[in-house]
């Protein structure tokens, strides 16, 4: 018989067992899958399934793939024919990964080109639990429109807000690629309760710029991810693709470097830039409590003076 005190009261028997289960270790294992993408969707599906199975075999419990990994990064150009790649959620593609998550008993985070309805499309991330159910959906909030990244042509801005989802292995939040440059997105996701923020990503160099700006651009990207982890006392996982993709004469060399960062900003694991890789790492969610106790950034916020964040530069 176990005897413990809870809130000053003695608890025994079944209650003590329940207490014990609630306070088990908060360690878990993350799997980040960095892939090269071909122009054959079925090949990309098979490649992703194979790597998910390998990650699960290595005991990963939460597995995430890069942004829009089922096709080449079509936003390099504006083409109405690419809207054919979009589908409803749930749909054929999400059903495949729901079945896989249930089979392997893992949490899957999948990035899809979502057709909401005719004329409305989103860049969307879904979380599938270990029972094969879609438990939440996040639609990319910040949509870029830059040379080679013409996403505003394809995607409507997200309309579901920032989210945290409780899973068997921790509270997780999903943001997507361009979102990762905005501190407000990470902060609001963390305030929702997320312990791990995932960034499915498709980011790289324009080959003509790489020699001059490549190192600086990559360093800036890593620095931003580390800053989100530190400022919010959370784990950050950014999952990129790799390889060079060419569409209609345009090229992007995706820089890989998928990365997992702890709440103190330390890099736990990081992949190489030029090859596919399954990045597996252990994390301990108890570290969040320790870090936030010593660096109480949430406590010391001055939300009574942050109304200026609702204005654009030079607004009166």
C-alpha atoms as a PDB file:
ATOM      1  CA  UNK A   1       0.000   0.000   0.000  1.00  0.00           C
ATOM      2  CA  UNK A   2       1.268   3.493  -0.948  1.00  0.00           C
ATOM      3  CA  UNK A   3       0.573   6.418   1.369  1.00  0.00           C
ATOM      4  CA  UNK A   4       1.218   9.996   0.177  1.00  0.00           C
ATOM      5  CA  UNK A   5       0.013  13.501   0.943  1.00  0.00           C
ATOM      6  CA  UNK A   6      -1.827  15.545  -1.656  1.00  0.00           C
ATOM      7  CA  UNK A   7      -2.861  19.096  -0.681  1.00  0.00           C
ATOM      8  CA  UNK A   8      -2.487  18.189   2.969  1.00  0.00           C
ATOM      9  CA  UNK A   9      -4.703  15.094   2.733  1.00  0.00           C
ATOM     10  CA  UNK A  10      -3.556  11.489   3.018  1.00  0.00           C
ATOM     11  CA  UNK A  11      -4.274   9.471  -0.109  1.00  0.00           C
ATOM     12  CA  UNK A  12      -3.881   5.696  -0.361  1.00  0.00           C
ATOM     13  CA  UNK A  13      -4.531   2.798  -2.706  1.00  0.00           C
ATOM     14  CA  UNK A  14      -5.854   3.644  -6.207  1.00  0.00           C
ATOM     15  CA  UNK A  15      -5.516   7.376  -5.726  1.00  0.00           C
ATOM     16  CA  UNK A  16      -1.825   7.045  -4.953  1.00  0.00           C
ATOM     17  CA  UNK A  17      -1.403   5.021  -8.132  1.00  0.00           C
ATOM     18  CA  UNK A  18      -3.123   7.760 -10.102  1.00  0.00           C
ATOM     19  CA  UNK A  19      -0.888  10.346  -8.470  1.00  0.00           C
ATOM     20  CA  UNK A  20       2.153   8.305  -9.388  1.00  0.00           C
ATOM     21  CA  UNK A  21       1.101   8.048 -13.029  1.00  0.00           C
ATOM     22  CA  UNK A  22       0.504  11.788 -13.292  1.00  0.00           C
ATOM     23  CA  UNK A  23       3.974  12.567 -12.040  1.00  0.00           C
ATOM     24  CA  UNK A  24       5.977  10.166 -14.148  1.00  0.00           C
ATOM     25  CA  UNK A  25       9.066  11.343 -16.041  1.00  0.00           C
ATOM     26  CA  UNK A  26       8.328  13.944 -18.717  1.00  0.00           C
ATOM     27  CA  UNK A  27      11.036  12.705 -21.045  1.00  0.00           C
ATOM     28  CA  UNK A  28      10.162  11.963 -24.644  1.00  0.00           C
ATOM     29  CA  UNK A  29      11.886  11.494 -27.988  1.00  0.00           C
ATOM     30  CA  UNK A  30      11.501  13.760 -31.015  1.00  0.00           C
ATOM     31  CA  UNK A  31      11.969  12.755 -34.656  1.00  0.00           C
ATOM     32  CA  UNK A  32      12.616  15.402 -37.327  1.00  0.00           C
ATOM     33  CA  UNK A  33      12.656  14.137 -40.900  1.00  0.00           C
ATOM     34  CA  UNK A  34      14.662  16.138 -43.438  1.00  0.00           C
ATOM     35  CA  UNK A  35      13.945  15.038 -47.006  1.00  0.00           C
ATOM     36  CA  UNK A  36      14.733  15.736 -50.635  1.00  0.00           C
ATOM     37  CA  UNK A  37      11.567  16.190 -52.654  1.00  0.00           C
ATOM     38  CA  UNK A  38      10.944  14.837 -56.151  1.00  0.00           C
ATOM     39  CA  UNK A  39       8.305  15.823 -58.699  1.00  0.00           C
ATOM     40  CA  UNK A  40       6.504  12.509 -58.117  1.00  0.00           C
ATOM     41  CA  UNK A  41       3.988  12.732 -55.268  1.00  0.00           C
ATOM     42  CA  UNK A  42       3.663   8.987 -54.771  1.00  0.00           C
ATOM     43  CA  UNK A  43       7.431   8.675 -54.515  1.00  0.00           C
ATOM     44  CA  UNK A  44       7.468  11.441 -51.905  1.00  0.00           C
ATOM     45  CA  UNK A  45       4.724   9.693 -49.931  1.00  0.00           C
ATOM     46  CA  UNK A  46       6.617   6.384 -49.959  1.00  0.00           C
ATOM     47  CA  UNK A  47       9.860   8.106 -48.950  1.00  0.00           C
ATOM     48  CA  UNK A  48       8.177   9.888 -46.053  1.00  0.00           C
ATOM     49  CA  UNK A  49       6.449   6.704 -44.840  1.00  0.00           C
ATOM     50  CA  UNK A  50       9.724   4.792 -44.907  1.00  0.00           C
ATOM     51  CA  UNK A  51      11.453   7.482 -42.855  1.00  0.00           C
ATOM     52  CA  UNK A  52       8.568   7.807 -40.391  1.00  0.00           C
ATOM     53  CA  UNK A  53       8.763   4.051 -39.828  1.00  0.00           C
ATOM     54  CA  UNK A  54      12.521   4.315 -39.271  1.00  0.00           C
ATOM     55  CA  UNK A  55      12.042   7.159 -36.790  1.00  0.00           C
ATOM     56  CA  UNK A  56       9.408   5.155 -34.907  1.00  0.00           C
ATOM     57  CA  UNK A  57      11.744   2.152 -34.828  1.00  0.00           C
ATOM     58  CA  UNK A  58      14.281   4.439 -33.135  1.00  0.00           C
ATOM     59  CA  UNK A  59      11.618   5.196 -30.492  1.00  0.00           C
ATOM     60  CA  UNK A  60      10.608   8.687 -31.651  1.00  0.00           C
ATOM     61  CA  UNK A  61       7.188   9.573 -30.221  1.00  0.00           C
ATOM     62  CA  UNK A  62       6.541  12.921 -31.946  1.00  0.00           C
ATOM     63  CA  UNK A  63       7.566  13.007 -35.613  1.00  0.00           C
ATOM     64  CA  UNK A  64       7.449  16.020 -37.914  1.00  0.00           C
ATOM     65  CA  UNK A  65       8.133  16.486 -41.633  1.00  0.00           C
ATOM     66  CA  UNK A  66       9.014  19.667 -43.584  1.00  0.00           C
ATOM     67  CA  UNK A  67       6.623  22.183 -45.075  1.00  0.00           C
ATOM     68  CA  UNK A  68       4.723  20.980 -48.182  1.00  0.00           C
ATOM     69  CA  UNK A  69       6.978  17.928 -48.523  1.00  0.00           C
ATOM     70  CA  UNK A  70       4.715  16.112 -50.993  1.00  0.00           C
ATOM     71  CA  UNK A  71       5.782  18.194 -53.994  1.00  0.00           C
ATOM     72  CA  UNK A  72       8.575  20.497 -55.151  1.00  0.00           C
ATOM     73  CA  UNK A  73       8.248  23.986 -53.696  1.00  0.00           C
ATOM     74  CA  UNK A  74       5.797  25.239 -56.345  1.00  0.00           C
ATOM     75  CA  UNK A  75       5.653  28.790 -54.928  1.00  0.00           C
ATOM     76  CA  UNK A  76       8.827  29.659 -56.859  1.00  0.00           C
ATOM     77  CA  UNK A  77       6.439  30.688 -59.647  1.00  0.00           C
ATOM     78  CA  UNK A  78       2.789  31.694 -60.016  1.00  0.00           C
ATOM     79  CA  UNK A  79       0.884  28.972 -61.840  1.00  0.00           C
ATOM     80  CA  UNK A  80      -2.835  28.250 -61.645  1.00  0.00           C
ATOM     81  CA  UNK A  81      -2.168  24.598 -62.512  1.00  0.00           C
ATOM     82  CA  UNK A  82      -0.532  24.086 -59.101  1.00  0.00           C
ATOM     83  CA  UNK A  83      -3.870  24.506 -57.320  1.00  0.00           C
ATOM     84  CA  UNK A  84      -4.569  20.933 -58.421  1.00  0.00           C
ATOM     85  CA  UNK A  85      -2.114  19.827 -55.723  1.00  0.00           C
ATOM     86  CA  UNK A  86      -4.463  21.002 -52.958  1.00  0.00           C
ATOM     87  CA  UNK A  87      -7.001  18.766 -51.243  1.00  0.00           C
ATOM     88  CA  UNK A  88      -9.522  18.776 -48.447  1.00  0.00           C
ATOM     89  CA  UNK A  89      -8.588  17.849 -44.879  1.00  0.00           C
ATOM     90  CA  UNK A  90      -9.495  15.152 -44.047  1.00  0.00           C
ATOM     91  CA  UNK A  91      -8.825  13.646 -47.450  1.00  0.00           C
ATOM     92  CA  UNK A  92      -6.844  10.967 -49.243  1.00  0.00           C
ATOM     93  CA  UNK A  93      -3.436  12.207 -48.104  1.00  0.00           C
ATOM     94  CA  UNK A  94      -4.312  12.857 -44.473  1.00  0.00           C
ATOM     95  CA  UNK A  95      -6.012   9.440 -44.310  1.00  0.00           C
ATOM     96  CA  UNK A  96      -2.723   7.762 -45.273  1.00  0.00           C
ATOM     97  CA  UNK A  97      -0.849   9.404 -42.401  1.00  0.00           C
ATOM     98  CA  UNK A  98      -3.688   8.869 -39.920  1.00  0.00           C
ATOM     99  CA  UNK A  99      -3.453   5.154 -40.603  1.00  0.00           C
ATOM    100  CA  UNK A 100       0.320   5.256 -40.234  1.00  0.00           C
ATOM    101  CA  UNK A 101       0.208   7.142 -36.916  1.00  0.00           C
ATOM    102  CA  UNK A 102      -2.227   4.566 -35.521  1.00  0.00           C
ATOM    103  CA  UNK A 103      -0.151   1.646 -36.789  1.00  0.00           C
ATOM    104  CA  UNK A 104       3.059   3.009 -35.224  1.00  0.00           C
ATOM    105  CA  UNK A 105       1.396   4.595 -32.159  1.00  0.00           C
ATOM    106  CA  UNK A 106       3.147   7.950 -32.698  1.00  0.00           C
ATOM    107  CA  UNK A 107       2.205  11.612 -32.984  1.00  0.00           C
ATOM    108  CA  UNK A 108       2.613  12.864 -36.557  1.00  0.00           C
ATOM    109  CA  UNK A 109       2.805  16.490 -37.690  1.00  0.00           C
ATOM    110  CA  UNK A 110       2.098  16.822 -41.409  1.00  0.00           C
ATOM    111  CA  UNK A 111       2.174  19.926 -43.640  1.00  0.00           C
ATOM    112  CA  UNK A 112      -0.378  20.015 -46.474  1.00  0.00           C
ATOM    113  CA  UNK A 113      -1.700  22.294 -49.218  1.00  0.00           C
ATOM    114  CA  UNK A 114      -5.299  22.570 -48.047  1.00  0.00           C
ATOM    115  CA  UNK A 115      -8.328  23.366 -50.181  1.00  0.00           C
ATOM    116  CA  UNK A 116     -10.784  24.975 -47.791  1.00  0.00           C
ATOM    117  CA  UNK A 117     -13.322  25.639 -50.552  1.00  0.00           C
ATOM    118  CA  UNK A 118     -13.234  26.932 -54.123  1.00  0.00           C
ATOM    119  CA  UNK A 119     -10.945  29.945 -54.230  1.00  0.00           C
ATOM    120  CA  UNK A 120      -9.713  29.536 -50.633  1.00  0.00           C
ATOM    121  CA  UNK A 121      -6.502  27.636 -50.032  1.00  0.00           C
ATOM    122  CA  UNK A 122      -4.239  27.389 -47.009  1.00  0.00           C
ATOM    123  CA  UNK A 123      -0.759  26.239 -46.071  1.00  0.00           C
ATOM    124  CA  UNK A 124      -1.786  23.929 -43.241  1.00  0.00           C
ATOM    125  CA  UNK A 125      -0.221  21.763 -40.552  1.00  0.00           C
ATOM    126  CA  UNK A 126      -2.156  18.975 -38.867  1.00  0.00           C
ATOM    127  CA  UNK A 127      -1.424  17.001 -35.711  1.00  0.00           C
ATOM    128  CA  UNK A 128      -2.411  13.328 -35.786  1.00  0.00           C
ATOM    129  CA  UNK A 129      -2.452  11.495 -32.464  1.00  0.00           C
ATOM    130  CA  UNK A 130      -1.328   7.941 -31.706  1.00  0.00           C
ATOM    131  CA  UNK A 131      -4.880   6.711 -32.294  1.00  0.00           C
ATOM    132  CA  UNK A 132      -4.873   8.008 -35.855  1.00  0.00           C
ATOM    133  CA  UNK A 133      -7.158  11.002 -35.215  1.00  0.00           C
ATOM    134  CA  UNK A 134      -6.552  14.544 -36.469  1.00  0.00           C
ATOM    135  CA  UNK A 135      -6.630  16.476 -33.200  1.00  0.00           C
ATOM    136  CA  UNK A 136      -5.874  19.962 -34.467  1.00  0.00           C
ATOM    137  CA  UNK A 137      -5.229  22.019 -37.565  1.00  0.00           C
ATOM    138  CA  UNK A 138      -3.091  25.153 -37.924  1.00  0.00           C
ATOM    139  CA  UNK A 139      -3.176  27.429 -40.962  1.00  0.00           C
ATOM    140  CA  UNK A 140      -0.059  29.479 -41.685  1.00  0.00           C
ATOM    141  CA  UNK A 141      -0.599  33.023 -40.449  1.00  0.00           C
ATOM    142  CA  UNK A 142       2.258  34.944 -42.090  1.00  0.00           C
ATOM    143  CA  UNK A 143       2.342  34.577 -45.872  1.00  0.00           C
ATOM    144  CA  UNK A 144       5.456  35.807 -47.714  1.00  0.00           C
ATOM    145  CA  UNK A 145       5.599  37.385 -51.161  1.00  0.00           C
ATOM    146  CA  UNK A 146       9.253  37.571 -52.158  1.00  0.00           C
ATOM    147  CA  UNK A 147      11.262  36.565 -55.244  1.00  0.00           C
ATOM    148  CA  UNK A 148      10.963  32.796 -55.476  1.00  0.00           C
ATOM    149  CA  UNK A 149       8.507  32.655 -52.560  1.00  0.00           C
ATOM    150  CA  UNK A 150       5.219  33.784 -54.133  1.00  0.00           C
ATOM    151  CA  UNK A 151       2.988  32.299 -51.459  1.00  0.00           C
ATOM    152  CA  UNK A 152       0.364  35.049 -51.460  1.00  0.00           C
ATOM    153  CA  UNK A 153      -0.665  33.838 -54.919  1.00  0.00           C
ATOM    154  CA  UNK A 154      -1.562  30.442 -53.452  1.00  0.00           C
ATOM    155  CA  UNK A 155      -2.430  30.796 -49.770  1.00  0.00           C
ATOM    156  CA  UNK A 156      -4.990  32.759 -47.805  1.00  0.00           C
ATOM    157  CA  UNK A 157      -3.779  33.985 -44.424  1.00  0.00           C
ATOM    158  CA  UNK A 158      -4.554  31.620 -41.561  1.00  0.00           C
ATOM    159  CA  UNK A 159      -7.886  32.065 -39.787  1.00  0.00           C
ATOM    160  CA  UNK A 160      -7.536  29.644 -36.857  1.00  0.00           C
ATOM    161  CA  UNK A 161      -5.137  31.628 -34.678  1.00  0.00           C
ATOM    162  CA  UNK A 162      -2.225  30.247 -32.673  1.00  0.00           C
ATOM    163  CA  UNK A 163      -2.657  26.932 -30.915  1.00  0.00           C
ATOM    164  CA  UNK A 164      -1.318  24.513 -28.345  1.00  0.00           C
ATOM    165  CA  UNK A 165      -2.451  20.902 -28.428  1.00  0.00           C
ATOM    166  CA  UNK A 166      -2.178  18.458 -25.546  1.00  0.00           C
ATOM    167  CA  UNK A 167      -0.853  15.080 -26.649  1.00  0.00           C
ATOM    168  CA  UNK A 168       0.225  11.916 -24.888  1.00  0.00           C
ATOM    169  CA  UNK A 169       3.842  13.100 -25.080  1.00  0.00           C
ATOM    170  CA  UNK A 170       3.530  16.794 -24.306  1.00  0.00           C
ATOM    171  CA  UNK A 171       1.822  20.026 -25.330  1.00  0.00           C
ATOM    172  CA  UNK A 172       2.828  20.983 -28.845  1.00  0.00           C
ATOM    173  CA  UNK A 173       2.292  23.956 -31.113  1.00  0.00           C
ATOM    174  CA  UNK A 174       2.808  24.226 -34.844  1.00  0.00           C
ATOM    175  CA  UNK A 175       3.883  27.278 -36.786  1.00  0.00           C
ATOM    176  CA  UNK A 176       5.038  27.195 -40.413  1.00  0.00           C
ATOM    177  CA  UNK A 177       8.197  28.527 -42.087  1.00  0.00           C
ATOM    178  CA  UNK A 178       7.769  32.329 -42.506  1.00  0.00           C
ATOM    179  CA  UNK A 179       6.041  32.358 -39.109  1.00  0.00           C
ATOM    180  CA  UNK A 180       9.444  31.558 -37.586  1.00  0.00           C
ATOM    181  CA  UNK A 181      10.703  35.116 -38.101  1.00  0.00           C
ATOM    182  CA  UNK A 182       7.943  36.640 -35.962  1.00  0.00           C
ATOM    183  CA  UNK A 183       8.490  36.693 -32.174  1.00  0.00           C
ATOM    184  CA  UNK A 184       4.794  37.404 -31.623  1.00  0.00           C
ATOM    185  CA  UNK A 185       3.821  34.036 -33.151  1.00  0.00           C
ATOM    186  CA  UNK A 186       6.173  32.065 -30.914  1.00  0.00           C
ATOM    187  CA  UNK A 187       5.140  34.046 -27.829  1.00  0.00           C
ATOM    188  CA  UNK A 188       1.413  33.571 -28.391  1.00  0.00           C
ATOM    189  CA  UNK A 189       1.863  29.860 -29.089  1.00  0.00           C
ATOM    190  CA  UNK A 190       3.889  29.470 -25.897  1.00  0.00           C
ATOM    191  CA  UNK A 191       1.305  31.457 -23.908  1.00  0.00           C
ATOM    192  CA  UNK A 192      -1.299  28.963 -25.137  1.00  0.00           C
ATOM    193  CA  UNK A 193       0.697  26.306 -23.293  1.00  0.00           C
ATOM    194  CA  UNK A 194       2.946  24.794 -25.953  1.00  0.00           C
ATOM    195  CA  UNK A 195       6.042  23.098 -24.545  1.00  0.00           C
ATOM    196  CA  UNK A 196       7.483  22.314 -27.982  1.00  0.00           C
ATOM    197  CA  UNK A 197       7.001  24.582 -30.989  1.00  0.00           C
ATOM    198  CA  UNK A 198       7.491  22.913 -34.369  1.00  0.00           C
ATOM    199  CA  UNK A 199       8.302  24.842 -37.542  1.00  0.00           C
ATOM    200  CA  UNK A 200       7.808  22.751 -40.699  1.00  0.00           C
ATOM    201  CA  UNK A 201       9.956  24.715 -43.136  1.00  0.00           C
ATOM    202  CA  UNK A 202      11.011  25.154 -46.762  1.00  0.00           C
ATOM    203  CA  UNK A 203      13.836  27.670 -46.737  1.00  0.00           C
ATOM    204  CA  UNK A 204      17.047  27.996 -48.672  1.00  0.00           C
ATOM    205  CA  UNK A 205      19.378  30.066 -50.788  1.00  0.00           C
ATOM    206  CA  UNK A 206      18.944  31.594 -54.205  1.00  0.00           C
ATOM    207  CA  UNK A 207      22.075  30.031 -55.751  1.00  0.00           C
ATOM    208  CA  UNK A 208      23.339  33.346 -57.160  1.00  0.00           C
ATOM    209  CA  UNK A 209      23.257  34.894 -53.678  1.00  0.00           C
ATOM    210  CA  UNK A 210      24.734  32.007 -51.706  1.00  0.00           C
ATOM    211  CA  UNK A 211      28.415  32.944 -51.930  1.00  0.00           C
ATOM    212  CA  UNK A 212      27.789  36.491 -50.731  1.00  0.00           C
ATOM    213  CA  UNK A 213      24.913  36.097 -48.291  1.00  0.00           C
ATOM    214  CA  UNK A 214      24.556  32.354 -47.599  1.00  0.00           C
ATOM    215  CA  UNK A 215      26.422  32.100 -44.299  1.00  0.00           C
ATOM    216  CA  UNK A 216      24.797  35.241 -42.914  1.00  0.00           C
ATOM    217  CA  UNK A 217      21.285  34.110 -43.910  1.00  0.00           C
ATOM    218  CA  UNK A 218      21.684  30.673 -42.334  1.00  0.00           C
ATOM    219  CA  UNK A 219      23.162  32.140 -39.144  1.00  0.00           C
ATOM    220  CA  UNK A 220      20.257  34.591 -38.885  1.00  0.00           C
ATOM    221  CA  UNK A 221      17.781  31.727 -39.220  1.00  0.00           C
ATOM    222  CA  UNK A 222      19.447  29.642 -36.493  1.00  0.00           C
ATOM    223  CA  UNK A 223      19.708  32.704 -34.248  1.00  0.00           C
ATOM    224  CA  UNK A 224      15.975  33.350 -34.552  1.00  0.00           C
ATOM    225  CA  UNK A 225      15.128  29.785 -33.543  1.00  0.00           C
ATOM    226  CA  UNK A 226      17.425  29.988 -30.521  1.00  0.00           C
ATOM    227  CA  UNK A 227      15.897  33.321 -29.516  1.00  0.00           C
ATOM    228  CA  UNK A 228      12.358  31.883 -29.602  1.00  0.00           C
ATOM    229  CA  UNK A 229      13.473  29.057 -27.309  1.00  0.00           C
ATOM    230  CA  UNK A 230      15.136  31.413 -24.821  1.00  0.00           C
ATOM    231  CA  UNK A 231      12.470  34.134 -24.790  1.00  0.00           C
ATOM    232  CA  UNK A 232       9.657  31.637 -24.220  1.00  0.00           C
ATOM    233  CA  UNK A 233      11.359  28.855 -22.263  1.00  0.00           C
ATOM    234  CA  UNK A 234      10.285  26.187 -24.766  1.00  0.00           C
ATOM    235  CA  UNK A 235      11.783  23.580 -27.050  1.00  0.00           C
ATOM    236  CA  UNK A 236      12.010  24.652 -30.696  1.00  0.00           C
ATOM    237  CA  UNK A 237      12.096  22.197 -33.590  1.00  0.00           C
ATOM    238  CA  UNK A 238      12.620  23.498 -37.137  1.00  0.00           C
ATOM    239  CA  UNK A 239      12.349  20.876 -39.900  1.00  0.00           C
ATOM    240  CA  UNK A 240      13.626  21.833 -43.344  1.00  0.00           C
ATOM    241  CA  UNK A 241      13.956  20.070 -46.677  1.00  0.00           C
ATOM    242  CA  UNK A 242      17.240  19.716 -48.548  1.00  0.00           C
ATOM    243  CA  UNK A 243      18.390  19.612 -52.166  1.00  0.00           C
ATOM    244  CA  UNK A 244      18.101  22.022 -55.110  1.00  0.00           C
ATOM    245  CA  UNK A 245      14.717  22.402 -56.791  1.00  0.00           C
ATOM    246  CA  UNK A 246      14.231  24.056 -60.164  1.00  0.00           C
ATOM    247  CA  UNK A 247      10.877  25.238 -61.521  1.00  0.00           C
ATOM    248  CA  UNK A 248      10.512  27.223 -64.784  1.00  0.00           C
ATOM    249  CA  UNK A 249      14.147  28.301 -64.716  1.00  0.00           C
ATOM    250  CA  UNK A 250      14.126  29.329 -61.041  1.00  0.00           C
ATOM    251  CA  UNK A 251      16.198  27.527 -58.417  1.00  0.00           C
ATOM    252  CA  UNK A 252      16.269  27.311 -54.645  1.00  0.00           C
ATOM    253  CA  UNK A 253      18.946  25.361 -52.806  1.00  0.00           C
ATOM    254  CA  UNK A 254      17.248  24.325 -49.571  1.00  0.00           C
ATOM    255  CA  UNK A 255      19.743  24.520 -46.749  1.00  0.00           C
ATOM    256  CA  UNK A 256      18.605  21.654 -44.530  1.00  0.00           C
ATOM    257  CA  UNK A 257      20.037  22.219 -41.050  1.00  0.00           C
ATOM    258  CA  UNK A 258      16.922  20.916 -39.318  1.00  0.00           C
ATOM    259  CA  UNK A 259      17.437  21.748 -35.686  1.00  0.00           C
ATOM    260  CA  UNK A 260      16.204  21.030 -32.160  1.00  0.00           C
ATOM    261  CA  UNK A 261      16.865  23.606 -29.428  1.00  0.00           C
ATOM    262  CA  UNK A 262      16.262  23.428 -25.682  1.00  0.00           C
ATOM    263  CA  UNK A 263      14.608  26.140 -23.500  1.00  0.00           C
ATOM    264  CA  UNK A 264      18.009  27.652 -22.695  1.00  0.00           C
ATOM    265  CA  UNK A 265      18.828  28.108 -26.372  1.00  0.00           C
ATOM    266  CA  UNK A 266      21.268  25.198 -26.574  1.00  0.00           C
ATOM    267  CA  UNK A 267      21.344  23.234 -29.817  1.00  0.00           C
ATOM    268  CA  UNK A 268      20.510  19.631 -28.943  1.00  0.00           C
ATOM    269  CA  UNK A 269      20.757  18.256 -32.470  1.00  0.00           C
ATOM    270  CA  UNK A 270      21.278  19.654 -35.967  1.00  0.00           C
ATOM    271  CA  UNK A 271      21.351  17.978 -39.357  1.00  0.00           C
ATOM    272  CA  UNK A 272      23.680  18.626 -42.273  1.00  0.00           C
ATOM    273  CA  UNK A 273      22.741  20.900 -45.137  1.00  0.00           C
ATOM    274  CA  UNK A 274      23.018  18.611 -48.146  1.00  0.00           C
ATOM    275  CA  UNK A 275      21.475  15.235 -47.367  1.00  0.00           C
ATOM    276  CA  UNK A 276      18.347  13.529 -46.140  1.00  0.00           C
ATOM    277  CA  UNK A 277      18.459  12.780 -42.443  1.00  0.00           C
ATOM    278  CA  UNK A 278      16.309  11.508 -39.607  1.00  0.00           C
ATOM    279  CA  UNK A 279      17.177  13.607 -36.592  1.00  0.00           C
ATOM    280  CA  UNK A 280      16.333  11.860 -33.307  1.00  0.00           C
ATOM    281  CA  UNK A 281      16.798  13.452 -29.890  1.00  0.00           C
ATOM    282  CA  UNK A 282      15.626  13.000 -26.318  1.00  0.00           C
ATOM    283  CA  UNK A 283      14.066  15.924 -24.482  1.00  0.00           C
ATOM    284  CA  UNK A 284      12.949  16.432 -20.891  1.00  0.00           C
ATOM    285  CA  UNK A 285       9.937  18.705 -20.530  1.00  0.00           C
ATOM    286  CA  UNK A 286      10.742  19.244 -16.840  1.00  0.00           C
ATOM    287  CA  UNK A 287      13.530  21.553 -18.011  1.00  0.00           C
ATOM    288  CA  UNK A 288      10.902  24.115 -19.033  1.00  0.00           C
ATOM    289  CA  UNK A 289       9.869  24.615 -15.387  1.00  0.00           C
ATOM    290  CA  UNK A 290      13.494  25.013 -14.309  1.00  0.00           C
ATOM    291  CA  UNK A 291      14.343  27.529 -17.013  1.00  0.00           C
ATOM    292  CA  UNK A 292      11.225  29.623 -16.512  1.00  0.00           C
ATOM    293  CA  UNK A 293      11.866  29.735 -12.769  1.00  0.00           C
ATOM    294  CA  UNK A 294      15.339  31.191 -13.289  1.00  0.00           C
ATOM    295  CA  UNK A 295      14.475  33.341 -16.319  1.00  0.00           C
ATOM    296  CA  UNK A 296      10.908  34.543 -15.541  1.00  0.00           C
ATOM    297  CA  UNK A 297      10.280  36.407 -18.776  1.00  0.00           C
ATOM    298  CA  UNK A 298       6.563  35.637 -18.705  1.00  0.00           C
ATOM    299  CA  UNK A 299       6.267  37.058 -15.189  1.00  0.00           C
ATOM    300  CA  UNK A 300       8.009  40.317 -16.052  1.00  0.00           C
ATOM    301  CA  UNK A 301       6.150  41.160 -19.243  1.00  0.00           C
ATOM    302  CA  UNK A 302       4.483  44.588 -19.283  1.00  0.00           C
ATOM    303  CA  UNK A 303       1.339  43.764 -21.213  1.00  0.00           C
ATOM    304  CA  UNK A 304      -0.215  47.016 -19.982  1.00  0.00           C
ATOM    305  CA  UNK A 305       2.281  48.873 -22.219  1.00  0.00           C
ATOM    306  CA  UNK A 306       2.249  46.610 -25.271  1.00  0.00           C
ATOM    307  CA  UNK A 307      -0.664  48.215 -27.106  1.00  0.00           C
ATOM    308  CA  UNK A 308       1.851  49.714 -29.488  1.00  0.00           C
ATOM    309  CA  UNK A 309       2.317  46.254 -30.971  1.00  0.00           C
ATOM    310  CA  UNK A 310      -1.115  46.631 -32.548  1.00  0.00           C
ATOM    311  CA  UNK A 311       0.121  49.541 -34.687  1.00  0.00           C
ATOM    312  CA  UNK A 312       2.262  49.635 -37.786  1.00  0.00           C
ATOM    313  CA  UNK A 313       5.462  51.719 -37.883  1.00  0.00           C
ATOM    314  CA  UNK A 314       4.783  55.462 -37.994  1.00  0.00           C
ATOM    315  CA  UNK A 315       1.107  55.065 -37.115  1.00  0.00           C
ATOM    316  CA  UNK A 316      -0.223  57.867 -34.910  1.00  0.00           C
END
